[in-house]
Amino acid sequence: MAKPRFVLKEPAASEPTLIFLIYRIGSKRLKYSTGESIKPKYWDKTAQRPVTEGVSGREIKKSIESIRLQIERHNSKVVEYKNYASVQKIPLTIDRLKESLDDEFKLDQDVPVQKDLFSFIEDFIKNVQFTRQANPKPISIGTIKKYNVVLGLLKRFADKKRKGKLDFDDIDLKFYGDFVNYLQQDCKHTPNTIGKNIKTLKLFLKEATEEGINTNRTFENRKFAAMSEDVDHVYLNESELSKLFDFDLKNNNRLDTIRDLFLIGCHTALRFSDFTNIQAQNIIETENGKMLKIHTFKTGQTVIIPLHWRVEIILKKWENNLPRAISNQKMNNYLKELGKLAEINTPFETNKTIAGKKTSITKPKYELITTHTARRSAATNMFKMGIPALAIMRITGHKTEKAFLRYINISNEENATLLMNHSYFKEENRKVGSSLEAV
C-alpha cells in the first residue's frame, strides 16, 4: 500500500509555501494541508522533509525542526490509521482517512493550543490506539492501566512535593532525583518498579517531543535512567510440578481449571496471554510427534513448541478446547490457594531493595506463585535438563542470552549439583590427571 508523500504547494517560490500531504488509495487521491509553510530552499524534495544543513541562525533551525516534527506527526497518523483499519477490518477510504486527520490536526490549525504536561498525558492515554513499536499492536487494557498509574504518581508527586505544579520545563535532573526519592521513600517502590515508571514517563515525554509540544530534552540524558536490579524469582521444580499434576481436584472445578492452565504454561514457557488462549488449530502433528504453533500476543513472534506429555494429557482431557481463563490477577490469587493445598511450601528467600534499603524476605513458595512463574519454571527446568540455551530461546522468544538468563533461577547449590554430573568432575578423568600428578 502507498506511503504518505509530502510536497510543496509552490516549489519554485522564494517565500514560505504550504506543505501538503498526498496519499492515494486506488485511483483516489487525498491532498491534505498540513498547515505548515516553509521556504523551498529549506526543503529536500527527494526526502520530502525539511533540511537544516547549511542553515545559519538558531531560531531558523528551531523553526525548521518544529516543521519537521509536524510532518512526522502527519506521517505517523496516516500509518497509525492504516494499521487501525487493518486490525479492525474496516475499509480504508479517503473520507475516513481525512476524518481521522481532521480529528487530530483540525484544532491545531484553527486554534493553536499549548498543552501542559498533565493534559498532554491525559489526551495521549485517551487517544492512543497502538504501541510505539516497530510492529505496532493495539494497546491493551493492561498498558492503559500502566499509563494511568504513572499519571497518578506524577500528580501525587506534584501535589506533595511541588505545590501542585509540574510541567515540561520542570523535568530536569533535580526532578528526576526528587521523583525517584518520592517513589522509594513515600511509595516504597522497588528499583524495578521505579524503573518501569521512569520508562513510561520517558515514553510520554518522547511522544510530546515528537509532536512539537515539548522542547525540553533532559529526559534523554543518560543520568535520567530507568533503574533496575536483579531479583530472585520463584520457580517450581519437576517434583513440585508432579505434585500439582497428581493432586486430586475432582471436587474443585475452579482450582482444577486453574491447575491445568498453569501446568500448560509450566511446560510451554508461554506467557499468560498465550497459554490461556491455546486452541485446537494450534496443535500440529508431524512425523516426530505433536507440537504447538503459537503466534505470540506480546511480541507477534511465531513459536513452535514440542508437546510435553502432561500438556497432551491436559488438552485431551478438555478435548483440545481449554476453558476460558479468568483475569490474570484472579488467577494469581487462586494459584496461591492451589499451592497451599498442594503443600508447595518450601521456604524461598528473596532479596530486594525496598524504600532504598536491601531487604531479605523468606516466604513459603505458594505465597509467591503467579502466572509468570509458569514461564520461569519452564525455562529453568528445560535448562536443568541440559537443553541448550539457544534452543530454549527459540521457544521463549528471547533475542539475547542476557535477557534469557534472567529467567533461569538456579541456586549455587543446584548449579554445583548439575556440575557434579559433568564428566570433568568424574573419576573416569583420573587417568588424564595421573600424568599431571607425576610431574
Foldseek 3Di string as FASTA:
>chain_A
DDAKAKDFPDLPDQDWTWIWIWDDDVPDIDTHTLLDTDGNVQADRVVRAGHCVPPDDPVVVVSRVLVRLSVVVLRVQLVVVVVVCVVVVHDDDNVVSVVSVCVVPVCCNPPNDQDWLLVLLVVCLVPDQWDPDPDTDGDDPVVSVLSVVLSVLVQVCCVVPVVRDDTLVNPAVVVLVSSLLCCFAVVQDFLQVQLSSLVSVVVSVVVCVSNVNHDDPNCVDVSSHSGDDQKFADADAPVLLVLLLPDDCPVPPPLVLLSLLLLQLLAQLAAPVWSQPFAPVQWDADPVGIWGWTQHDPPRDTAIGGQDPSNVVSCVVVVRHRDHDDDQVVSLVSQLVSCVVSVQFDWDWMWTATSNRIDIDIGGNSNRDGSNSSSLNNLQNCVLVPDDNVVVCSRNVDPDVVVSVSSHRDDPVSVVVSVCPDPVNDCVCVVVCVVVVVD
